[in-house]
Amino acid sequence: MHFKPKNWAGLVTSLIILLVAGGLLIAFVRNNAVTATVSNLNLRRGPGLTYAVTTKVAKNSRLTIIGEKDNWYHVRDSQNHFGWVASWLVDHPGKLTHATTLSEATIVLDPGHGGSDSGALSIDQKHDEKTYTLELAQRVARLLRAKGAHVIMTRNSDTTVSLAHRPELANTHQADAFISFHFDSSPTDNLASGTTTYYYHRKTSYALAQAVNQEMNDLPLTNRGIRYGNFEVIRDNRQPALLLEMGYINTKKDFNDIRNAHYQETVANNVVQGLSRYFTTQH
């Protein structure tokens, strides 16, 4: 068969296009393979925790991404099961070792106490610590989500949550940060005042403590600084973790601020600023 030169040129061009397309397809497949990071990973009917579970896959199972929505992946497993998985429960090629912005971060917020555990009582003995830890954590969550962070709450209402479950949640989700909110109490009313930032694991958490604590100097309560604290929720945490005591609930001056919406909003903004500062240093 005889080809004119222009036909040869067209054939070569077609071959190049096919080769490039094939390479792109291979790259696409490779870049869209993820592995489950937890045991019995749920595949769901839709992109959210409210959707029913269709099947479960084992840890380290390879999954192929066929779609994405709202931080969820639509995937197919090796057995041709389809479903949606949370993006933070799988490893993706090229996934950052450390989040460098809030929008890349998974953050677990822990409102201290809850349910049958009321926490400390206010100076008038009428108010529980658990009420204000939840209010504060919810304010922080709203601000973080507005900046694109993925936020997980250890509780969203007045429910009992075990101490062990709180750090476990951060470990399971490989959170970039864990913040537990509390309000202090002294043996005698009006004996102490101020806020304190606690860490347990210096190597993983001290830099986070520094970043967040730096933002607490503009509060009406004295910043008592950074201290080592042997608390289960940060001791059993493999992720960068802090426990924040944001005032003494049984000191009149502190309690007036603790129950004040403006104070809570200021604290929430400061925590978010501290987290933002922290992530910009994680390269």
Protein backbone atom coordinates (compact mmCIF):
# COMPACT_ATOMS: atom_id res chain seq x y z
CA MET A 1 0.00 0.00 0.00
CA HIS A 2 1.34 3.42 -0.87
CA PHE A 3 0.99 6.33 1.58
CA LYS A 4 1.49 9.92 0.70
CA PRO A 5 3.87 11.85 3.01
CA LYS A 6 0.99 13.76 4.55
CA ASN A 7 -0.69 10.48 5.47
CA TRP A 8 2.49 9.29 7.18
CA ALA A 9 2.54 12.50 9.15
CA GLY A 10 -1.06 11.96 10.17
CA LEU A 11 -0.36 8.36 11.19
CA VAL A 12 2.63 9.38 13.29
CA THR A 13 0.56 12.09 14.96
CA SER A 14 -2.19 9.56 15.72
CA LEU A 15 0.32 7.14 17.22
CA ILE A 16 1.80 9.88 19.41
CA ILE A 17 -1.66 10.84 20.62
CA LEU A 18 -2.44 7.20 21.44
CA LEU A 19 0.84 6.75 23.30
CA VAL A 20 0.37 9.96 25.28
CA ALA A 21 -3.23 9.04 26.09
CA GLY A 22 -2.11 5.58 27.18
CA GLY A 23 0.56 7.05 29.40
CA LEU A 24 -1.91 9.44 30.92
CA LEU A 25 -4.34 6.59 31.52
CA ILE A 26 -1.64 4.55 33.28
CA ALA A 27 -0.64 7.57 35.36
CA PHE A 28 -4.30 8.22 36.18
CA VAL A 29 -4.80 4.62 37.34
CA ARG A 30 -1.64 4.67 39.40
CA ASN A 31 -2.44 8.01 41.01
CA ASN A 32 -5.96 6.89 41.81
CA ALA A 33 -5.06 3.76 43.71
CA VAL A 34 -5.40 4.10 47.47
CA THR A 35 -5.01 1.71 50.39
CA ALA A 36 -7.17 1.29 53.48
CA THR A 37 -5.37 2.45 56.64
CA VAL A 38 -7.80 0.90 59.15
CA SER A 39 -9.24 -2.56 59.71
CA ASN A 40 -12.76 -3.28 58.44
CA LEU A 41 -12.98 -0.04 56.46
CA ASN A 42 -16.61 0.74 55.63
CA LEU A 43 -17.71 1.22 52.01
CA ARG A 44 -20.90 3.29 52.09
CA ARG A 45 -23.73 3.99 49.64
CA GLY A 46 -22.93 7.69 49.56
CA PRO A 47 -20.34 10.32 50.58
CA GLY A 48 -21.13 10.64 54.29
CA LEU A 49 -21.35 8.82 57.60
CA THR A 50 -25.16 8.76 57.44
CA TYR A 51 -25.16 6.42 54.42
CA ALA A 52 -25.55 2.67 54.92
CA VAL A 53 -22.51 0.40 54.84
CA THR A 54 -22.46 -1.85 51.74
CA THR A 55 -19.35 -3.88 52.56
CA LYS A 56 -16.11 -3.79 54.55
CA VAL A 57 -12.54 -4.11 53.32
CA ALA A 58 -9.42 -5.22 55.17
CA LYS A 59 -6.58 -2.95 56.19
CA ASN A 60 -4.04 -2.36 53.36
CA SER A 61 -6.59 -3.35 50.71
CA ARG A 62 -6.03 -1.60 47.38
CA LEU A 63 -8.94 0.53 46.17
CA THR A 64 -9.40 2.32 42.85
CA ILE A 65 -10.90 5.82 42.93
CA ILE A 66 -13.64 6.39 40.36
CA GLY A 67 -15.05 9.60 41.79
CA GLU A 68 -14.71 12.17 44.56
CA LYS A 69 -17.06 14.43 46.54
CA ASP A 70 -16.82 16.36 49.82
CA ASN A 71 -13.61 14.65 51.01
CA TRP A 72 -15.02 11.22 50.17
CA TYR A 73 -13.83 8.83 47.44
CA HIS A 74 -16.09 6.65 45.30
CA VAL A 75 -14.04 3.46 45.00
CA ARG A 76 -13.97 -0.09 43.66
CA ASP A 77 -12.19 -2.89 45.52
CA SER A 78 -10.49 -6.01 44.12
CA GLN A 79 -13.74 -7.98 44.43
CA ASN A 80 -15.60 -5.43 42.32
CA HIS A 81 -17.50 -3.99 45.27
CA PHE A 82 -18.33 -0.31 44.91
CA GLY A 83 -18.84 2.30 47.63
CA TRP A 84 -17.73 5.55 49.23
CA VAL A 85 -14.87 5.87 51.73
CA ALA A 86 -13.72 8.80 53.84
CA SER A 87 -10.54 10.25 52.28
CA TRP A 88 -8.87 10.51 55.68
CA LEU A 89 -9.08 6.73 56.16
CA VAL A 90 -7.00 5.84 53.12
CA ASP A 91 -3.44 6.54 51.99
CA HIS A 92 -3.15 8.27 48.65
CA PRO A 93 0.08 8.34 46.61
CA GLY A 94 1.77 11.65 47.17
CA LYS A 95 -0.20 12.28 50.34
CA LEU A 96 1.49 14.89 52.52
CA THR A 97 3.39 13.58 55.52
CA HIS A 98 2.33 16.70 57.39
CA ALA A 99 -0.52 19.11 56.77
CA THR A 100 0.88 22.55 55.99
CA THR A 101 -2.40 24.47 56.01
CA LEU A 102 -5.67 24.20 57.90
CA SER A 103 -7.44 23.10 54.72
CA GLU A 104 -5.19 20.00 54.54
CA ALA A 105 -5.61 19.10 58.21
CA THR A 106 -7.73 16.59 60.08
CA ILE A 107 -8.32 17.91 63.59
CA VAL A 108 -10.02 16.11 66.47
CA LEU A 109 -11.72 18.38 69.00
CA ASP A 110 -12.53 16.93 72.40
CA PRO A 111 -15.09 18.73 74.60
CA GLY A 112 -14.08 17.45 78.04
CA HIS A 113 -16.50 15.37 80.14
CA GLY A 114 -20.14 14.95 79.02
CA GLY A 115 -23.16 12.83 79.89
CA SER A 116 -22.79 11.22 83.31
CA ASP A 117 -19.45 13.01 83.77
CA SER A 118 -20.32 16.61 84.59
CA GLY A 119 -16.75 17.76 85.19
CA ALA A 120 -16.10 20.53 87.71
CA LEU A 121 -18.89 22.68 89.13
CA SER A 122 -19.05 26.46 88.82
CA ILE A 123 -18.53 28.67 91.86
CA ASP A 124 -22.30 28.94 92.38
CA GLN A 125 -22.61 25.12 92.11
CA LYS A 126 -25.26 25.52 89.40
CA HIS A 127 -23.29 24.97 86.20
CA ASP A 128 -21.29 22.03 84.88
CA GLU A 129 -17.94 22.18 83.17
CA LYS A 130 -19.22 19.83 80.44
CA THR A 131 -21.65 22.50 79.18
CA TYR A 132 -18.96 25.07 78.47
CA THR A 133 -16.40 22.66 77.03
CA LEU A 134 -18.96 21.64 74.40
CA GLU A 135 -19.91 25.25 73.60
CA LEU A 136 -16.25 26.20 73.15
CA ALA A 137 -15.37 23.16 71.04
CA GLN A 138 -18.36 23.77 68.76
CA ARG A 139 -17.22 27.37 68.20
CA VAL A 140 -13.73 26.16 67.28
CA ALA A 141 -15.20 23.52 64.96
CA ARG A 142 -17.27 26.10 63.07
CA LEU A 143 -14.24 28.34 62.53
CA LEU A 144 -12.01 25.47 61.44
CA ARG A 145 -14.58 24.09 58.99
CA ALA A 146 -15.01 27.55 57.49
CA LYS A 147 -11.29 27.42 56.66
CA GLY A 148 -11.58 24.01 55.03
CA ALA A 149 -10.27 21.80 57.85
CA HIS A 150 -11.69 18.33 58.39
CA VAL A 151 -12.99 18.37 61.98
CA ILE A 152 -13.94 15.33 64.04
CA MET A 153 -15.69 15.84 67.40
CA THR A 154 -15.38 13.29 70.20
CA ARG A 155 -18.92 14.32 71.14
CA ASN A 156 -21.49 16.67 69.61
CA SER A 157 -23.97 16.63 72.45
CA ASP A 158 -24.27 15.91 76.18
CA THR A 159 -23.23 12.29 75.86
CA THR A 160 -20.85 10.08 77.85
CA VAL A 161 -17.61 9.29 76.03
CA SER A 162 -14.92 7.14 77.62
CA LEU A 163 -11.48 8.62 78.17
CA ALA A 164 -9.91 5.82 76.13
CA HIS A 165 -12.13 6.48 73.11
CA ARG A 166 -10.99 10.10 72.76
CA PRO A 167 -7.31 9.55 71.89
CA GLU A 168 -8.26 6.37 70.03
CA LEU A 169 -10.35 8.49 67.67
CA ALA A 170 -7.34 10.69 66.89
CA ASN A 171 -5.05 7.69 66.43
CA THR A 172 -7.50 5.86 64.17
CA HIS A 173 -8.03 8.87 61.93
CA GLN A 174 -4.33 9.80 61.98
CA ALA A 175 -5.31 13.30 63.01
CA ASP A 176 -2.90 16.17 62.42
CA ALA A 177 -3.87 17.65 65.79
CA PHE A 178 -5.99 16.83 68.85
CA ILE A 179 -7.28 19.53 71.21
CA SER A 180 -9.10 18.70 74.46
CA PHE A 181 -11.03 21.55 76.09
CA HIS A 182 -11.45 21.89 79.85
CA PHE A 183 -12.01 24.42 82.62
CA ASP A 184 -9.90 24.12 85.73
CA SER A 185 -11.01 23.89 89.36
CA SER A 186 -9.03 24.63 92.51
CA PRO A 187 -9.52 22.99 95.95
CA THR A 188 -10.91 26.25 97.32
CA ASP A 189 -13.17 28.76 95.55
CA ASN A 190 -11.43 31.86 94.18
CA LEU A 191 -8.02 30.38 94.91
CA ALA A 192 -6.58 30.34 91.37
CA SER A 193 -7.04 32.04 88.01
CA GLY A 194 -5.81 31.78 84.45
CA THR A 195 -5.39 29.49 81.45
CA THR A 196 -2.91 26.65 80.96
CA THR A 197 -1.71 24.72 77.90
CA TYR A 198 -0.80 21.09 78.65
CA TYR A 199 1.15 18.62 76.52
CA TYR A 200 2.45 15.10 77.30
CA HIS A 201 4.72 13.94 74.45
CA ARG A 202 7.34 16.62 73.95
CA LYS A 203 8.54 15.32 70.58
CA THR A 204 5.12 15.28 68.93
CA SER A 205 3.21 17.95 70.84
CA TYR A 206 5.46 20.68 72.22
CA ALA A 207 5.62 22.64 68.95
CA LEU A 208 1.82 22.62 68.81
CA ALA A 209 1.68 23.77 72.44
CA GLN A 210 3.99 26.68 71.65
CA ALA A 211 1.99 27.76 68.61
CA VAL A 212 -1.37 27.69 70.39
CA ASN A 213 -0.14 29.14 73.68
CA GLN A 214 1.37 32.17 71.92
CA GLU A 215 -2.15 33.19 70.94
CA MET A 216 -3.47 33.23 74.51
CA ASN A 217 -1.80 36.41 75.76
CA ASP A 218 -4.63 38.77 74.76
CA LEU A 219 -7.26 37.11 76.96
CA PRO A 220 -8.64 38.79 80.11
CA LEU A 221 -7.30 35.82 82.11
CA THR A 222 -3.61 35.32 82.86
CA ASN A 223 -1.75 32.95 80.56
CA ARG A 224 -0.09 30.47 82.95
CA GLY A 225 1.98 29.08 80.08
CA ILE A 226 2.86 25.62 78.81
CA ARG A 227 3.07 22.71 81.24
CA TYR A 228 3.56 18.96 81.13
CA GLY A 229 0.34 17.15 82.00
CA ASN A 230 -0.18 13.44 82.64
CA PHE A 231 -3.73 13.25 81.26
CA GLU A 232 -4.98 10.10 79.52
CA VAL A 233 -6.43 11.87 76.49
CA ILE A 234 -3.02 13.30 75.58
CA ARG A 235 -0.83 10.58 77.13
CA ASP A 236 -2.40 7.83 74.99
CA ASN A 237 -2.36 10.00 71.88
CA ARG A 238 0.13 9.27 69.11
CA GLN A 239 -0.87 12.49 67.34
CA PRO A 240 0.14 16.07 68.28
CA ALA A 241 -2.18 16.62 71.25
CA LEU A 242 -2.98 19.33 73.78
CA LEU A 243 -5.28 19.74 76.75
CA LEU A 244 -6.36 23.35 77.26
CA GLU A 245 -7.61 24.60 80.64
CA MET A 246 -9.27 27.88 79.73
CA GLY A 247 -9.98 29.31 83.17
CA TYR A 248 -10.99 28.27 86.70
CA ILE A 249 -14.68 27.53 86.81
CA ASN A 250 -14.84 27.90 90.60
CA THR A 251 -13.22 31.35 90.61
CA LYS A 252 -15.75 34.17 90.25
CA LYS A 253 -13.67 36.31 87.90
CA ASP A 254 -12.83 33.40 85.61
CA PHE A 255 -16.36 32.01 85.56
CA ASN A 256 -17.76 35.36 84.46
CA ASP A 257 -15.54 35.08 81.40
CA ILE A 258 -16.05 31.35 80.82
CA ARG A 259 -19.81 31.77 80.47
CA ASN A 260 -19.41 34.86 78.25
CA ALA A 261 -19.94 34.31 74.52
CA HIS A 262 -17.39 36.98 73.60
CA TYR A 263 -14.70 35.28 75.68
CA GLN A 264 -15.49 31.89 74.13
CA GLU A 265 -15.34 33.34 70.63
CA THR A 266 -12.01 35.02 71.37
CA VAL A 267 -10.58 31.75 72.68
CA ALA A 268 -11.91 29.89 69.64
CA ASN A 269 -10.29 32.38 67.26
CA ASN A 270 -7.02 32.14 69.17
CA VAL A 271 -7.00 28.34 68.98
CA VAL A 272 -7.60 28.49 65.22
CA GLN A 273 -4.84 31.07 64.81
CA GLY A 274 -2.48 28.88 66.82
CA LEU A 275 -3.30 25.82 64.72
CA SER A 276 -2.79 27.83 61.54
CA ARG A 277 0.59 29.03 62.82
CA TYR A 278 1.55 25.46 63.70
CA PHE A 279 0.70 23.97 60.31
CA THR A 280 2.70 26.60 58.40
CA THR A 281 5.81 25.27 60.18
CA GLN A 282 5.18 21.63 59.20
CA HIS A 283 7.28 21.07 56.07
